[in-house]
Amino acid sequence: MSSKKKNKKRRRLLDCMGLPMTCANDAALVQYDKALYALTTLDLNMLHYANRALELDRSMVLVSCLLGFTWSSQPKPPTDPAVAPHLEALKTAGPRTTDREKAHIRAVIAYAHRNIPGAVDEWMDILIHHPRDILAIHLLFVCCIAIGELEKMRDSLARVQPWWTEDMALYPHIFSFYAFALVQNSEFQRAEEMARKVLAMDRSVGWAYHTLCHVIEESQDAQTGVHFLTSTRPLWLNSILGGHIVWHLALYYLDLGDTSSVLKEFDSVLYDKTCFGNPSGLVDAASLLWRLNIMGVDPGEKRWEKVFDGFSKHRSDHTTSWYDVHVFMSLSHGKVSETCARMVIAERMLEALRDNAKTNASATDAKIVATLGVPVCTALLAFGKEQYDDVRKREGGGQREE
């Protein structure tokens, strides 16, 4: 009898990949496994499953890790009410956690305080010992993309591949991460082969489509890109990556000079995502409208206003210069005068970025803000004011902000 109880307890402490974790509730563990599956497959129900798991068992530190990371990515600072409770739970988790969980805790706290390289290093170490840790694989993957650690991303994902086999449910998705890592390292042929292999196994894998978008762009065959994405549209559109893949489709149309189709895609998909204030959707929307702007195509003030309003919810939250630059696109479009409301907001943001670089020197992006972020944002404003000589001076971070 005691042996059966012992075995039952051991089962309750194993996640879907057989890794021990802090959990005392079978139903909570089921919800956590669903959250991991949803995270990897780009299922929009991931937050629902994670929140349900935490409701059932507050001791599940890996759920707090997942939620703390997710809300910190929105972007939200560590003190935000959506983030702070999860970070506090992690800081007070205590000795009851496993060594793997402790490493996840250190990683998410580092990430929340914008020490993204430190977080990546923790996840890399986890994967050396636990190559089937789905949470570590996914969080390392997205963070390496965010900070441009492309070789680390490729090499870490290469190391875990031998531990994953085709009979595992999530194998196509993990394999698609590796395919995307390869394309980001300019290994286009291998990336295409892997992405097509993934789609032969599961035609719904979003990262495989995203990988092939980049492969096709490299070939500069926009018509092939349009045909590929329009013929497969129902398979990828409703995933978390759907909006971004539409952005790639719009770029193909842009290459073909078909601006009416670009605006149609913006209005039918990206505009809707912008309405929900999705930061990544806003970045896609702003960059697409800016491309039209510099081509001399006026997308209309209404579209820009929607992007501007979406960014207004996040303008005080600095995460990366990449994000800030896209905010400034929404402030700099068209012709900007010294007295317009957008200019006042832009000047305040520039001052906040300078202060952020000085007061958060340990943050990943602090040096980039000074050397690249502020100069590029300033150049965008100069472009809006038609001060093109100043744009050239500041292009590529030519003027360092001290």
Foldseek 3Di string as FASTA:
>chain_A
DVVVVVVVQLVQQQAPVGDGWDDDDNVLSVLQNVLLVCLLQQNPCNVVSLVVSCVVPVLGLVSLLVQLQVPVVLPDACPDPSRVVSLVCLVPSPDPTDPLSVLSNQLSVCVNLQVNVSNLVSLLVSCVVVVPPSVSLSSNLVSCVVQVVLVSNLVSLVVSLVVDDPVDPSNLSSLLSNLQSCVSVVVLVVSLVSLVVSCVSPVQRQSSLVSVLSSVVVVVPLVVLLVVCVVSVVSHCPGPCNLVSLLSNLVSCVSVVNVVVNLVSCVPRLLVVLQVLRLVSLLSLLVSCVVCQVVVHHSDPVSLVSSQVSCVVPLLPDRALSSVLSNLSSLQGAADDCPDPSNVVLVVSLVSLLVCLVVSVSRPHSQVCQQPSSLSSVLSNCVNNVVNVSNVCSPPSNDGHD
